Amino acid sequence: MKSLTNCHIALTASRKTEEMQTIIRKQGGTSEVRSLQGTVFLAELEVAEEFKETIFKKPDIFIFTTGIGTETLFRLAEKEKFDAELFEALKQSTIAARGYKTHAVLKKYGFTPDLRDEDGTTSGLIKVMENVPLEDKRVMVQLHGMNAPVLHSFLEEKGATIKEILPYQHISVNEGDVLILLDELLNGRYDAIAFTTAIQARELFTIASKYDKKQSLLTLFEEGVLAVSVGKVTSEELHSHGVKRVVSPEIERMGAMFVELGNYMKQTKG
């Protein structure tokens, strides 16, 4: 018997869904796409102007949280001809980075973070910044697609002046689509639900909370449906909403995610 036989999975991604469905079929499972990704777009002109203005104020600390967002900011600075000012500002500041992809981008441009998480999560980044004096410091935070309320609260409580830059903007998914998925989950349609970004998890719980279905959803995750995550950041988002049981691979890849799910299913259900 294949590892995902009799396992029906909801896929909340909007990209590479056919590839994921092929992987699932090869392991004997079935799936349906129920995207929670919404729309992410680059507001290039607005972001470039906002970033330039921030750079000229020379932040004391730069916090970079995603590889693609960090790369985008460097490219925008080059395109709009303020890359020299960016490099100078970075040389005179403290640089903090979350995740190996972010670290790789900074290294590509000749910078080594002064502060770096150990596990690729926002909580890991906060941990290494706990003893950093932040009162009255100007802190620029690069985000990707959505806000980071836990990080923002931490910086605010430490007395920092915060400027958040979102190279990519996120437009929420249609509420009706999320409600359909919630009803399907609560009616036992799926054995597992797979998340490939933190945004997908946040969308699900935002709508569930709005319609008083959060507790029912959490009970479902505890007793029935498996929450499956592609990596640490997505898992951290799920945990932040109260999901205790999350299946996630060590290697943050889609294929590894479904292999890990298959292994879990075999161990728990035989």
C-alpha atoms as a PDB file:
ATOM      1  CA  MET A   1       0.000   0.000   0.000  1.00  0.00           C
ATOM      2  CA  LYS A   2       1.304   3.442  -0.935  1.00  0.00           C
ATOM      3  CA  SER A   3       1.911   5.957   1.844  1.00  0.00           C
ATOM      4  CA  LEU A   4      -0.996   8.289   1.001  1.00  0.00           C
ATOM      5  CA  THR A   5      -3.595   5.677   0.086  1.00  0.00           C
ATOM      6  CA  ASN A   6      -7.071   6.775   1.315  1.00  0.00           C
ATOM      7  CA  CYS A   7      -5.716  10.243   2.132  1.00  0.00           C
ATOM      8  CA  HIS A   8      -7.598  13.201   0.642  1.00  0.00           C
ATOM      9  CA  ILE A   9      -5.709  16.508   0.860  1.00  0.00           C
ATOM     10  CA  ALA A  10      -6.710  20.151   0.457  1.00  0.00           C
ATOM     11  CA  LEU A  11      -4.016  22.242  -1.252  1.00  0.00           C
ATOM     12  CA  THR A  12      -4.086  25.917  -0.265  1.00  0.00           C
ATOM     13  CA  ALA A  13      -1.409  27.089  -2.714  1.00  0.00           C
ATOM     14  CA  SER A  14      -1.945  28.919  -5.984  1.00  0.00           C
ATOM     15  CA  ARG A  15       1.341  27.924  -7.653  1.00  0.00           C
ATOM     16  CA  LYS A  16       2.733  24.523  -8.631  1.00  0.00           C
ATOM     17  CA  THR A  17      -0.535  22.849  -7.698  1.00  0.00           C
ATOM     18  CA  GLU A  18      -0.404  20.416 -10.643  1.00  0.00           C
ATOM     19  CA  GLU A  19       3.076  19.373  -9.556  1.00  0.00           C
ATOM     20  CA  MET A  20       1.837  18.788  -6.005  1.00  0.00           C
ATOM     21  CA  GLN A  21      -1.156  16.797  -7.201  1.00  0.00           C
ATOM     22  CA  THR A  22       1.130  14.581  -9.284  1.00  0.00           C
ATOM     23  CA  ILE A  23       3.311  13.883  -6.228  1.00  0.00           C
ATOM     24  CA  ILE A  24       0.224  13.014  -4.179  1.00  0.00           C
ATOM     25  CA  ARG A  25      -1.187  10.694  -6.864  1.00  0.00           C
ATOM     26  CA  LYS A  26       2.106   8.812  -7.121  1.00  0.00           C
ATOM     27  CA  GLN A  27       1.855   8.126  -3.375  1.00  0.00           C
ATOM     28  CA  GLY A  28      -1.722   6.880  -3.733  1.00  0.00           C
ATOM     29  CA  GLY A  29      -3.523   9.958  -2.433  1.00  0.00           C
ATOM     30  CA  THR A  30      -6.090  12.363  -3.854  1.00  0.00           C
ATOM     31  CA  SER A  31      -6.317  16.136  -3.611  1.00  0.00           C
ATOM     32  CA  GLU A  32      -8.286  19.266  -4.407  1.00  0.00           C
ATOM     33  CA  VAL A  33      -7.002  22.819  -4.847  1.00  0.00           C
ATOM     34  CA  ARG A  34      -8.551  25.317  -2.446  1.00  0.00           C
ATOM     35  CA  SER A  35      -6.241  28.304  -2.811  1.00  0.00           C
ATOM     36  CA  LEU A  36      -5.841  30.647   0.159  1.00  0.00           C
ATOM     37  CA  GLN A  37      -2.979  32.599  -1.360  1.00  0.00           C
ATOM     38  CA  GLY A  38      -4.854  35.691  -2.513  1.00  0.00           C
ATOM     39  CA  THR A  39      -2.867  38.003  -4.787  1.00  0.00           C
ATOM     40  CA  VAL A  40       0.648  39.299  -4.253  1.00  0.00           C
ATOM     41  CA  PHE A  41       1.920  42.148  -6.436  1.00  0.00           C
ATOM     42  CA  LEU A  42       4.856  44.509  -6.583  1.00  0.00           C
ATOM     43  CA  ALA A  43       4.006  48.205  -6.218  1.00  0.00           C
ATOM     44  CA  GLU A  44       7.411  49.180  -7.616  1.00  0.00           C
ATOM     45  CA  LEU A  45       7.198  52.977  -7.809  1.00  0.00           C
ATOM     46  CA  GLU A  46       5.613  53.405  -4.377  1.00  0.00           C
ATOM     47  CA  VAL A  47       8.026  50.962  -2.722  1.00  0.00           C
ATOM     48  CA  ALA A  48      11.098  52.535  -4.345  1.00  0.00           C
ATOM     49  CA  GLU A  49      10.152  56.021  -3.132  1.00  0.00           C
ATOM     50  CA  GLU A  50       9.356  54.784   0.373  1.00  0.00           C
ATOM     51  CA  PHE A  51      12.575  52.767   0.572  1.00  0.00           C
ATOM     52  CA  LYS A  52      14.687  55.657  -0.723  1.00  0.00           C
ATOM     53  CA  GLU A  53      13.239  58.038   1.842  1.00  0.00           C
ATOM     54  CA  THR A  54      13.932  55.486   4.587  1.00  0.00           C
ATOM     55  CA  ILE A  55      17.539  54.956   3.455  1.00  0.00           C
ATOM     56  CA  PHE A  56      18.273  58.670   3.477  1.00  0.00           C
ATOM     57  CA  LYS A  57      17.222  58.788   7.140  1.00  0.00           C
ATOM     58  CA  LYS A  58      19.940  56.180   7.861  1.00  0.00           C
ATOM     59  CA  PRO A  59      18.244  53.532  10.045  1.00  0.00           C
ATOM     60  CA  ASP A  60      20.222  52.274  13.007  1.00  0.00           C
ATOM     61  CA  ILE A  61      19.086  48.710  12.347  1.00  0.00           C
ATOM     62  CA  PHE A  62      17.953  46.917   9.205  1.00  0.00           C
ATOM     63  CA  ILE A  63      15.861  43.765   9.593  1.00  0.00           C
ATOM     64  CA  PHE A  64      15.459  41.578   6.505  1.00  0.00           C
ATOM     65  CA  THR A  65      12.975  38.711   6.703  1.00  0.00           C
ATOM     66  CA  THR A  66      12.746  37.098   3.241  1.00  0.00           C
ATOM     67  CA  GLY A  67      15.186  36.380   0.450  1.00  0.00           C
ATOM     68  CA  ILE A  68      12.989  37.537  -2.412  1.00  0.00           C
ATOM     69  CA  GLY A  69      11.992  40.728  -0.598  1.00  0.00           C
ATOM     70  CA  THR A  70      15.614  41.571   0.211  1.00  0.00           C
ATOM     71  CA  GLU A  71      16.658  40.928  -3.393  1.00  0.00           C
ATOM     72  CA  THR A  72      13.833  43.159  -4.630  1.00  0.00           C
ATOM     73  CA  LEU A  73      14.951  46.075  -2.457  1.00  0.00           C
ATOM     74  CA  PHE A  74      18.547  45.857  -3.671  1.00  0.00           C
ATOM     75  CA  ARG A  75      17.373  45.744  -7.283  1.00  0.00           C
ATOM     76  CA  LEU A  76      15.026  48.696  -6.796  1.00  0.00           C
ATOM     77  CA  ALA A  77      17.846  50.727  -5.246  1.00  0.00           C
ATOM     78  CA  GLU A  78      20.053  49.938  -8.230  1.00  0.00           C
ATOM     79  CA  LYS A  79      17.315  50.736 -10.745  1.00  0.00           C
ATOM     80  CA  GLU A  80      16.448  54.051  -9.082  1.00  0.00           C
ATOM     81  CA  LYS A  81      20.120  54.989  -8.616  1.00  0.00           C
ATOM     82  CA  PHE A  82      20.333  55.097  -4.838  1.00  0.00           C
ATOM     83  CA  ASP A  83      22.223  51.827  -4.385  1.00  0.00           C
ATOM     84  CA  ALA A  84      25.368  53.689  -3.258  1.00  0.00           C
ATOM     85  CA  GLU A  85      23.367  55.323  -0.463  1.00  0.00           C
ATOM     86  CA  LEU A  86      21.891  51.933   0.471  1.00  0.00           C
ATOM     87  CA  PHE A  87      25.315  50.302   0.723  1.00  0.00           C
ATOM     88  CA  GLU A  88      26.645  53.181   2.814  1.00  0.00           C
ATOM     89  CA  ALA A  89      23.655  53.047   5.159  1.00  0.00           C
ATOM     90  CA  LEU A  90      24.041  49.294   5.597  1.00  0.00           C
ATOM     91  CA  LYS A  91      27.754  49.620   6.393  1.00  0.00           C
ATOM     92  CA  GLN A  92      26.967  52.052   9.205  1.00  0.00           C
ATOM     93  CA  SER A  93      24.105  50.061  10.728  1.00  0.00           C
ATOM     94  CA  THR A  94      23.335  46.771  12.452  1.00  0.00           C
ATOM     95  CA  ILE A  95      21.905  44.140  10.087  1.00  0.00           C
ATOM     96  CA  ALA A  96      19.548  41.400  11.260  1.00  0.00           C
ATOM     97  CA  ALA A  97      18.308  38.605   8.999  1.00  0.00           C
ATOM     98  CA  ARG A  98      15.792  35.781   9.204  1.00  0.00           C
ATOM     99  CA  GLY A  99      16.291  32.587   7.210  1.00  0.00           C
ATOM    100  CA  TYR A 100      19.019  31.100   5.037  1.00  0.00           C
ATOM    101  CA  LYS A 101      17.631  32.595   1.800  1.00  0.00           C
ATOM    102  CA  THR A 102      17.818  36.098   3.231  1.00  0.00           C
ATOM    103  CA  HIS A 103      21.350  35.448   4.458  1.00  0.00           C
ATOM    104  CA  ALA A 104      22.342  34.220   0.993  1.00  0.00           C
ATOM    105  CA  VAL A 105      21.039  37.378  -0.695  1.00  0.00           C
ATOM    106  CA  LEU A 106      22.865  39.644   1.747  1.00  0.00           C
ATOM    107  CA  LYS A 107      26.055  37.654   1.233  1.00  0.00           C
ATOM    108  CA  LYS A 108      25.645  38.038  -2.540  1.00  0.00           C
ATOM    109  CA  TYR A 109      25.747  41.813  -2.088  1.00  0.00           C
ATOM    110  CA  GLY A 110      28.723  41.657   0.284  1.00  0.00           C
ATOM    111  CA  PHE A 111      27.003  41.885   3.669  1.00  0.00           C
ATOM    112  CA  THR A 112      27.091  39.523   6.634  1.00  0.00           C
ATOM    113  CA  PRO A 113      24.262  39.933   9.163  1.00  0.00           C
ATOM    114  CA  ASP A 114      25.282  40.974  12.658  1.00  0.00           C
ATOM    115  CA  LEU A 115      22.235  39.146  14.018  1.00  0.00           C
ATOM    116  CA  ARG A 116      20.760  35.959  12.586  1.00  0.00           C
ATOM    117  CA  ASP A 117      18.154  33.494  13.821  1.00  0.00           C
ATOM    118  CA  GLU A 118      19.088  29.868  14.380  1.00  0.00           C
ATOM    119  CA  ASP A 119      15.908  28.255  13.090  1.00  0.00           C
ATOM    120  CA  GLY A 120      14.509  30.374  10.261  1.00  0.00           C
ATOM    121  CA  THR A 121      11.600  31.775  12.293  1.00  0.00           C
ATOM    122  CA  THR A 122      10.507  35.192  13.493  1.00  0.00           C
ATOM    123  CA  SER A 123      10.602  33.985  17.099  1.00  0.00           C
ATOM    124  CA  GLY A 124      14.178  32.829  16.511  1.00  0.00           C
ATOM    125  CA  LEU A 125      15.094  36.277  15.225  1.00  0.00           C
ATOM    126  CA  ILE A 126      13.439  37.948  18.216  1.00  0.00           C
ATOM    127  CA  LYS A 127      15.405  35.683  20.538  1.00  0.00           C
ATOM    128  CA  VAL A 128      18.775  36.877  19.200  1.00  0.00           C
ATOM    129  CA  MET A 129      17.603  40.498  19.419  1.00  0.00           C
ATOM    130  CA  GLU A 130      16.360  40.369  23.001  1.00  0.00           C
ATOM    131  CA  ASN A 131      19.516  41.931  24.461  1.00  0.00           C
ATOM    132  CA  VAL A 132      20.007  44.486  21.678  1.00  0.00           C
ATOM    133  CA  PRO A 133      19.342  48.063  22.882  1.00  0.00           C
ATOM    134  CA  LEU A 134      16.516  49.368  20.703  1.00  0.00           C
ATOM    135  CA  GLU A 135      15.126  52.347  22.613  1.00  0.00           C
ATOM    136  CA  ASP A 136      14.904  55.383  20.326  1.00  0.00           C
ATOM    137  CA  LYS A 137      16.606  53.435  17.538  1.00  0.00           C
ATOM    138  CA  ARG A 138      15.341  53.761  13.966  1.00  0.00           C
ATOM    139  CA  VAL A 139      14.568  50.261  12.713  1.00  0.00           C
ATOM    140  CA  MET A 140      13.674  49.377   9.133  1.00  0.00           C
ATOM    141  CA  VAL A 141      11.865  46.055   8.747  1.00  0.00           C
ATOM    142  CA  GLN A 142      11.531  44.387   5.347  1.00  0.00           C
ATOM    143  CA  LEU A 143       8.412  42.261   5.146  1.00  0.00           C
ATOM    144  CA  HIS A 144       6.864  40.198   2.367  1.00  0.00           C
ATOM    145  CA  GLY A 145       3.197  40.366   1.532  1.00  0.00           C
ATOM    146  CA  MET A 146       1.857  40.682   5.077  1.00  0.00           C
ATOM    147  CA  ASN A 147       2.585  42.280   8.421  1.00  0.00           C
ATOM    148  CA  ALA A 148       4.475  40.595  11.266  1.00  0.00           C
ATOM    149  CA  PRO A 149       2.535  41.634  14.403  1.00  0.00           C
ATOM    150  CA  VAL A 150       4.689  39.658  16.853  1.00  0.00           C
ATOM    151  CA  LEU A 151       7.901  41.232  15.577  1.00  0.00           C
ATOM    152  CA  HIS A 152       6.284  44.681  15.469  1.00  0.00           C
ATOM    153  CA  SER A 153       5.074  44.364  19.067  1.00  0.00           C
ATOM    154  CA  PHE A 154       8.522  43.246  20.210  1.00  0.00           C
ATOM    155  CA  LEU A 155      10.217  46.242  18.587  1.00  0.00           C
ATOM    156  CA  GLU A 156       7.555  48.632  19.862  1.00  0.00           C
ATOM    157  CA  GLU A 157       7.877  47.366  23.429  1.00  0.00           C
ATOM    158  CA  LYS A 158      11.646  47.841  23.209  1.00  0.00           C
ATOM    159  CA  GLY A 159      11.097  51.504  22.304  1.00  0.00           C
ATOM    160  CA  ALA A 160      12.175  51.402  18.665  1.00  0.00           C
ATOM    161  CA  THR A 161      10.920  53.723  15.934  1.00  0.00           C
ATOM    162  CA  ILE A 162       9.709  51.275  13.299  1.00  0.00           C
ATOM    163  CA  LYS A 163       9.489  51.659   9.533  1.00  0.00           C
ATOM    164  CA  GLU A 164       8.076  48.637   7.718  1.00  0.00           C
ATOM    165  CA  ILE A 165       8.774  48.208   4.012  1.00  0.00           C
ATOM    166  CA  LEU A 166       6.678  45.668   2.078  1.00  0.00           C
ATOM    167  CA  PRO A 167       8.171  45.188  -1.408  1.00  0.00           C
ATOM    168  CA  TYR A 168       5.214  42.979  -2.212  1.00  0.00           C
ATOM    169  CA  GLN A 169       1.634  43.787  -1.235  1.00  0.00           C
ATOM    170  CA  HIS A 170      -0.953  41.141  -0.394  1.00  0.00           C
ATOM    171  CA  ILE A 171      -4.617  41.260  -1.425  1.00  0.00           C
ATOM    172  CA  SER A 172      -6.788  38.901   0.591  1.00  0.00           C
ATOM    173  CA  VAL A 173      -8.482  35.903  -0.972  1.00  0.00           C
ATOM    174  CA  ASN A 174     -12.230  35.910  -1.591  1.00  0.00           C
ATOM    175  CA  GLU A 175     -14.045  35.270   1.713  1.00  0.00           C
ATOM    176  CA  GLY A 176     -16.593  33.008   0.055  1.00  0.00           C
ATOM    177  CA  ASP A 177     -13.851  30.655  -1.147  1.00  0.00           C
ATOM    178  CA  VAL A 178     -12.450  30.390   2.381  1.00  0.00           C
ATOM    179  CA  LEU A 179     -15.892  29.697   3.827  1.00  0.00           C
ATOM    180  CA  ILE A 180     -16.393  26.873   1.325  1.00  0.00           C
ATOM    181  CA  LEU A 181     -13.105  25.319   2.441  1.00  0.00           C
ATOM    182  CA  LEU A 182     -14.017  25.749   6.114  1.00  0.00           C
ATOM    183  CA  ASP A 183     -17.332  23.983   5.585  1.00  0.00           C
ATOM    184  CA  GLU A 184     -15.608  21.163   3.713  1.00  0.00           C
ATOM    185  CA  LEU A 185     -13.048  20.756   6.502  1.00  0.00           C
ATOM    186  CA  LEU A 186     -15.656  20.766   9.257  1.00  0.00           C
ATOM    187  CA  ASN A 187     -17.769  18.257   7.316  1.00  0.00           C
ATOM    188  CA  GLY A 188     -14.913  15.762   7.139  1.00  0.00           C
ATOM    189  CA  ARG A 189     -14.059  16.063   3.448  1.00  0.00           C
ATOM    190  CA  TYR A 190     -10.268  16.083   3.979  1.00  0.00           C
ATOM    191  CA  ASP A 191      -7.728  14.062   5.916  1.00  0.00           C
ATOM    192  CA  ALA A 192      -5.070  16.766   5.640  1.00  0.00           C
ATOM    193  CA  ILE A 193      -4.612  20.344   4.503  1.00  0.00           C
ATOM    194  CA  ALA A 194      -1.274  21.491   3.058  1.00  0.00           C
ATOM    195  CA  PHE A 195       0.111  25.016   3.487  1.00  0.00           C
ATOM    196  CA  THR A 196       3.062  26.328   1.468  1.00  0.00           C
ATOM    197  CA  THR A 197       3.149  29.898   2.834  1.00  0.00           C
ATOM    198  CA  ALA A 198       2.300  31.613   6.108  1.00  0.00           C
ATOM    199  CA  ILE A 199      -0.180  33.837   4.263  1.00  0.00           C
ATOM    200  CA  GLN A 200      -2.392  30.816   3.511  1.00  0.00           C
ATOM    201  CA  ALA A 201      -2.571  29.858   7.186  1.00  0.00           C
ATOM    202  CA  ARG A 202      -3.289  33.423   8.240  1.00  0.00           C
ATOM    203  CA  GLU A 203      -6.101  33.780   5.684  1.00  0.00           C
ATOM    204  CA  LEU A 204      -7.791  30.609   6.911  1.00  0.00           C
ATOM    205  CA  PHE A 205      -7.735  31.652  10.563  1.00  0.00           C
ATOM    206  CA  THR A 206      -8.667  35.279   9.862  1.00  0.00           C
ATOM    207  CA  ILE A 207     -11.887  34.211   8.159  1.00  0.00           C
ATOM    208  CA  ALA A 208     -12.525  31.412  10.672  1.00  0.00           C
ATOM    209  CA  SER A 209     -12.269  33.940  13.516  1.00  0.00           C
ATOM    210  CA  LYS A 210     -14.521  36.425  11.743  1.00  0.00           C
ATOM    211  CA  TYR A 211     -17.284  33.827  11.444  1.00  0.00           C
ATOM    212  CA  ASP A 212     -16.780  32.280  14.912  1.00  0.00           C
ATOM    213  CA  LYS A 213     -15.358  29.047  13.534  1.00  0.00           C
ATOM    214  CA  LYS A 214     -11.835  29.247  14.926  1.00  0.00           C
ATOM    215  CA  GLN A 215     -12.393  26.971  17.917  1.00  0.00           C
ATOM    216  CA  SER A 216     -14.148  24.383  15.760  1.00  0.00           C
ATOM    217  CA  LEU A 217     -11.218  24.515  13.367  1.00  0.00           C
ATOM    218  CA  LEU A 218      -8.674  24.074  16.164  1.00  0.00           C
ATOM    219  CA  THR A 219     -10.628  21.113  17.547  1.00  0.00           C
ATOM    220  CA  LEU A 220     -10.629  19.609  14.060  1.00  0.00           C
ATOM    221  CA  PHE A 221      -6.853  19.961  13.793  1.00  0.00           C
ATOM    222  CA  GLU A 222      -6.426  18.297  17.178  1.00  0.00           C
ATOM    223  CA  GLU A 223      -8.743  15.370  16.542  1.00  0.00           C
ATOM    224  CA  GLY A 224      -8.917  14.782  12.813  1.00  0.00           C
ATOM    225  CA  VAL A 225      -7.424  16.802   9.978  1.00  0.00           C
ATOM    226  CA  LEU A 226      -3.652  17.050   9.782  1.00  0.00           C
ATOM    227  CA  ALA A 227      -2.090  20.466   9.209  1.00  0.00           C
ATOM    228  CA  VAL A 228       0.861  20.006   6.839  1.00  0.00           C
ATOM    229  CA  SER A 229       3.456  22.759   6.427  1.00  0.00           C
ATOM    230  CA  VAL A 230       6.267  23.171   3.905  1.00  0.00           C
ATOM    231  CA  GLY A 231       8.636  24.779   6.424  1.00  0.00           C
ATOM    232  CA  LYS A 232       9.384  26.578   9.661  1.00  0.00           C
ATOM    233  CA  VAL A 233       7.914  29.997   8.902  1.00  0.00           C
ATOM    234  CA  THR A 234       4.609  28.478   7.811  1.00  0.00           C
ATOM    235  CA  SER A 235       4.617  26.155  10.829  1.00  0.00           C
ATOM    236  CA  GLU A 236       5.273  29.123  13.104  1.00  0.00           C
ATOM    237  CA  GLU A 237       2.218  30.899  11.680  1.00  0.00           C
ATOM    238  CA  LEU A 238       0.037  27.823  12.294  1.00  0.00           C
ATOM    239  CA  HIS A 239       1.333  27.474  15.857  1.00  0.00           C
ATOM    240  CA  SER A 240       0.628  31.176  16.493  1.00  0.00           C
ATOM    241  CA  HIS A 241      -3.069  30.510  15.842  1.00  0.00           C
ATOM    242  CA  GLY A 242      -3.143  27.578  18.257  1.00  0.00           C
ATOM    243  CA  VAL A 243      -2.502  24.590  15.973  1.00  0.00           C
ATOM    244  CA  LYS A 244      -0.447  22.151  18.034  1.00  0.00           C
ATOM    245  CA  ARG A 245      -0.033  19.258  15.615  1.00  0.00           C
ATOM    246  CA  VAL A 246       1.822  20.275  12.430  1.00  0.00           C
ATOM    247  CA  VAL A 247       3.550  17.827  10.082  1.00  0.00           C
ATOM    248  CA  SER A 248       6.567  19.453   8.426  1.00  0.00           C
ATOM    249  CA  PRO A 249       9.749  18.200   6.705  1.00  0.00           C
ATOM    250  CA  GLU A 250      13.313  19.002   7.738  1.00  0.00           C
ATOM    251  CA  ILE A 251      14.102  19.922   4.129  1.00  0.00           C
ATOM    252  CA  GLU A 252      11.761  22.739   3.134  1.00  0.00           C
ATOM    253  CA  ARG A 253      10.534  21.396  -0.208  1.00  0.00           C
ATOM    254  CA  MET A 254       7.102  20.440  -1.556  1.00  0.00           C
ATOM    255  CA  GLY A 255       8.069  16.856  -2.331  1.00  0.00           C
ATOM    256  CA  ALA A 256       9.601  16.402   1.118  1.00  0.00           C
ATOM    257  CA  MET A 257       6.407  17.777   2.668  1.00  0.00           C
ATOM    258  CA  PHE A 258       4.282  15.004   1.169  1.00  0.00           C
ATOM    259  CA  VAL A 259       6.877  12.336   1.922  1.00  0.00           C
ATOM    260  CA  GLU A 260       6.760  13.459   5.554  1.00  0.00           C
ATOM    261  CA  LEU A 261       2.962  13.350   5.496  1.00  0.00           C
ATOM    262  CA  GLY A 262       3.079   9.821   4.055  1.00  0.00           C
ATOM    263  CA  ASN A 263       5.483   8.693   6.758  1.00  0.00           C
ATOM    264  CA  TYR A 264       3.243  10.173   9.442  1.00  0.00           C
ATOM    265  CA  MET A 265       0.173   8.467   8.009  1.00  0.00           C
ATOM    266  CA  LYS A 266       1.910   5.084   7.903  1.00  0.00           C
ATOM    267  CA  GLN A 267       3.138   5.444  11.499  1.00  0.00           C
ATOM    268  CA  THR A 268      -0.215   6.510  12.921  1.00  0.00           C
ATOM    269  CA  LYS A 269      -2.668   4.544  10.790  1.00  0.00           C
ATOM    270  CA  GLY A 270      -0.622   1.605   9.582  1.00  0.00           C
END
